[in-house]
Protein backbone atom coordinates (compact mmCIF):
# COMPACT_ATOMS: atom_id res chain seq x y z
CA MET A 1 -93.17 126.92 -92.72
CA SER A 2 -90.24 124.81 -91.56
CA ASN A 3 -89.60 123.92 -88.06
CA THR A 4 -86.13 125.26 -87.91
CA LEU A 5 -85.07 127.32 -84.92
CA PHE A 6 -83.27 129.90 -86.99
CA THR A 7 -83.86 131.15 -90.55
CA GLN A 8 -80.94 132.30 -92.83
CA PRO A 9 -81.74 135.95 -92.11
CA ASP A 10 -81.62 135.18 -88.36
CA ILE A 11 -78.13 133.60 -88.77
CA LEU A 12 -76.96 136.52 -90.80
CA LEU A 13 -78.20 138.89 -87.96
CA ILE A 14 -76.56 136.91 -85.27
CA ILE A 15 -73.24 136.56 -87.25
CA GLY A 16 -73.37 140.28 -88.15
CA LEU A 17 -73.99 141.48 -84.58
CA ILE A 18 -70.98 139.16 -83.23
CA ILE A 19 -68.65 140.59 -85.82
CA THR A 20 -69.71 144.19 -85.21
CA ILE A 21 -69.35 143.90 -81.49
CA LEU A 22 -66.03 142.05 -81.60
CA SER A 23 -64.67 144.66 -84.04
CA ALA A 24 -65.86 147.48 -81.74
CA CYS A 25 -64.03 145.85 -78.80
CA ILE A 26 -60.93 145.44 -80.80
CA LEU A 27 -60.97 149.23 -81.82
CA LEU A 28 -61.60 150.19 -78.30
CA PHE A 29 -58.71 148.08 -77.16
CA LYS A 30 -56.48 149.58 -79.81
CA ALA A 31 -57.58 153.18 -78.62
CA PHE A 32 -56.69 152.50 -75.02
CA ASN A 33 -53.43 150.73 -76.04
CA THR A 34 -52.35 153.91 -77.86
CA SER A 35 -53.10 156.13 -75.06
CA ILE A 36 -55.56 156.61 -72.24
CA PHE A 37 -56.64 159.89 -73.78
CA TRP A 38 -57.61 158.05 -77.01
CA GLY A 39 -59.38 155.34 -75.01
CA LEU A 40 -61.52 157.84 -72.98
CA ALA A 41 -62.16 159.92 -76.16
CA TYR A 42 -63.26 156.85 -78.04
CA LEU A 43 -65.84 156.09 -75.21
CA PHE A 44 -67.11 159.57 -74.55
CA ILE A 45 -66.52 162.06 -77.12
CA PRO A 46 -68.88 161.84 -80.25
CA PHE A 47 -67.07 161.13 -83.58
CA ALA A 48 -63.63 160.76 -81.75
CA SER A 49 -63.72 157.18 -82.87
CA LEU A 50 -63.77 158.11 -86.51
CA LEU A 51 -60.86 160.42 -85.79
CA PHE A 52 -58.93 157.82 -84.08
CA ILE A 53 -59.54 155.46 -87.01
CA ALA A 54 -58.56 158.10 -89.51
CA VAL A 55 -55.32 159.17 -87.54
CA TYR A 56 -54.18 155.50 -86.76
CA TRP A 57 -55.41 154.05 -90.05
CA GLN A 58 -52.46 151.51 -90.23
CA LYS A 59 -53.49 150.08 -86.81
CA THR A 60 -57.14 150.14 -87.27
CA TYR A 61 -58.14 149.31 -90.88
CA ALA A 62 -58.59 145.63 -90.42
CA ALA A 63 -61.04 146.14 -87.44
CA PHE A 64 -62.71 148.87 -89.20
CA LEU A 65 -63.33 146.90 -92.32
CA MET A 66 -64.43 144.01 -90.01
CA SER A 67 -66.94 146.40 -88.51
CA LEU A 68 -68.25 147.30 -91.97
CA LEU A 69 -68.73 143.67 -92.85
CA GLY A 70 -70.64 143.04 -89.73
CA VAL A 71 -72.89 146.21 -90.39
CA PHE A 72 -73.32 144.80 -94.00
CA LEU A 73 -74.46 141.38 -92.64
CA VAL A 74 -76.93 143.04 -90.16
CA VAL A 75 -78.47 145.12 -93.02
CA MET A 76 -78.66 142.18 -95.31
CA SER A 77 -80.44 140.13 -92.72
CA PHE A 78 -83.15 142.74 -92.58
CA VAL A 79 -83.36 142.82 -96.43
CA PHE A 80 -83.74 139.10 -96.70
CA HIS A 81 -86.21 138.71 -93.80
CA PRO A 82 -89.36 137.24 -95.29
CA GLU A 83 -91.66 139.77 -93.36
CA TYR A 84 -89.55 142.80 -93.88
CA LEU A 85 -91.64 144.22 -96.80
CA GLU A 86 -94.73 143.60 -94.93
CA ILE A 87 -93.56 145.51 -91.96
CA LEU A 88 -92.41 148.49 -94.07
CA GLU A 89 -95.70 148.62 -95.95
CA GLU A 90 -97.66 148.51 -92.70
CA PHE A 91 -95.60 151.57 -91.31
CA SER A 92 -95.38 153.63 -94.58
CA THR A 93 -99.20 153.62 -95.38
CA ASP A 94 -100.93 156.96 -95.37
CA GLU A 95 -103.50 155.60 -92.77
CA THR A 96 -100.66 154.84 -90.33
CA ILE A 97 -99.29 158.38 -90.84
CA GLU A 98 -102.81 159.94 -90.39
CA GLU A 99 -103.45 157.97 -87.16
CA SER A 100 -100.22 159.06 -85.61
CA ASN A 101 -101.09 162.60 -86.46
CA GLN A 102 -104.41 162.27 -84.83
CA LEU A 103 -102.82 160.64 -81.60
CA VAL A 104 -100.48 163.63 -81.32
CA GLY A 105 -103.32 165.98 -81.91
CA ALA A 106 -105.34 164.08 -79.33
CA ARG A 107 -102.82 164.44 -76.66
CA GLY A 108 -102.81 168.18 -77.25
CA PHE A 109 -99.08 168.44 -78.14
CA GLU A 110 -97.76 171.84 -78.23
CA PRO A 111 -94.23 173.02 -78.71
CA PRO A 112 -92.69 174.25 -75.48
CA THR A 113 -92.65 177.90 -74.85
CA PRO A 114 -89.65 179.63 -73.55
CA THR A 115 -90.00 180.62 -69.89
CA THR A 116 -87.40 183.66 -70.08
CA PRO A 117 -87.91 186.55 -72.33
CA LEU A 118 -85.57 186.79 -75.29
């Protein structure tokens, strides 16, 4: 192991997160710049951001593509992380699934029953 502070996947992750956050701020600014309705809808209504991007594609395509680049870099940082496969194997074994099922059963988990008659 080297004594470096950040590995290449860590740098990809940091750059990807910065690009993604920056593009989200740009898109939010463009939504509020268009109208207060679009800005508030962008913040509070699910999928309104995608509708805003589709309706105002000429204004938003660069920031949208920038956000896709950021997400791509974040995903690639997880793919190239040296311990990524070990972590996936640890969580995907049958023993881990059986242990979680036993934990759920040990707590006595039951689905909630309705309190009012149907």
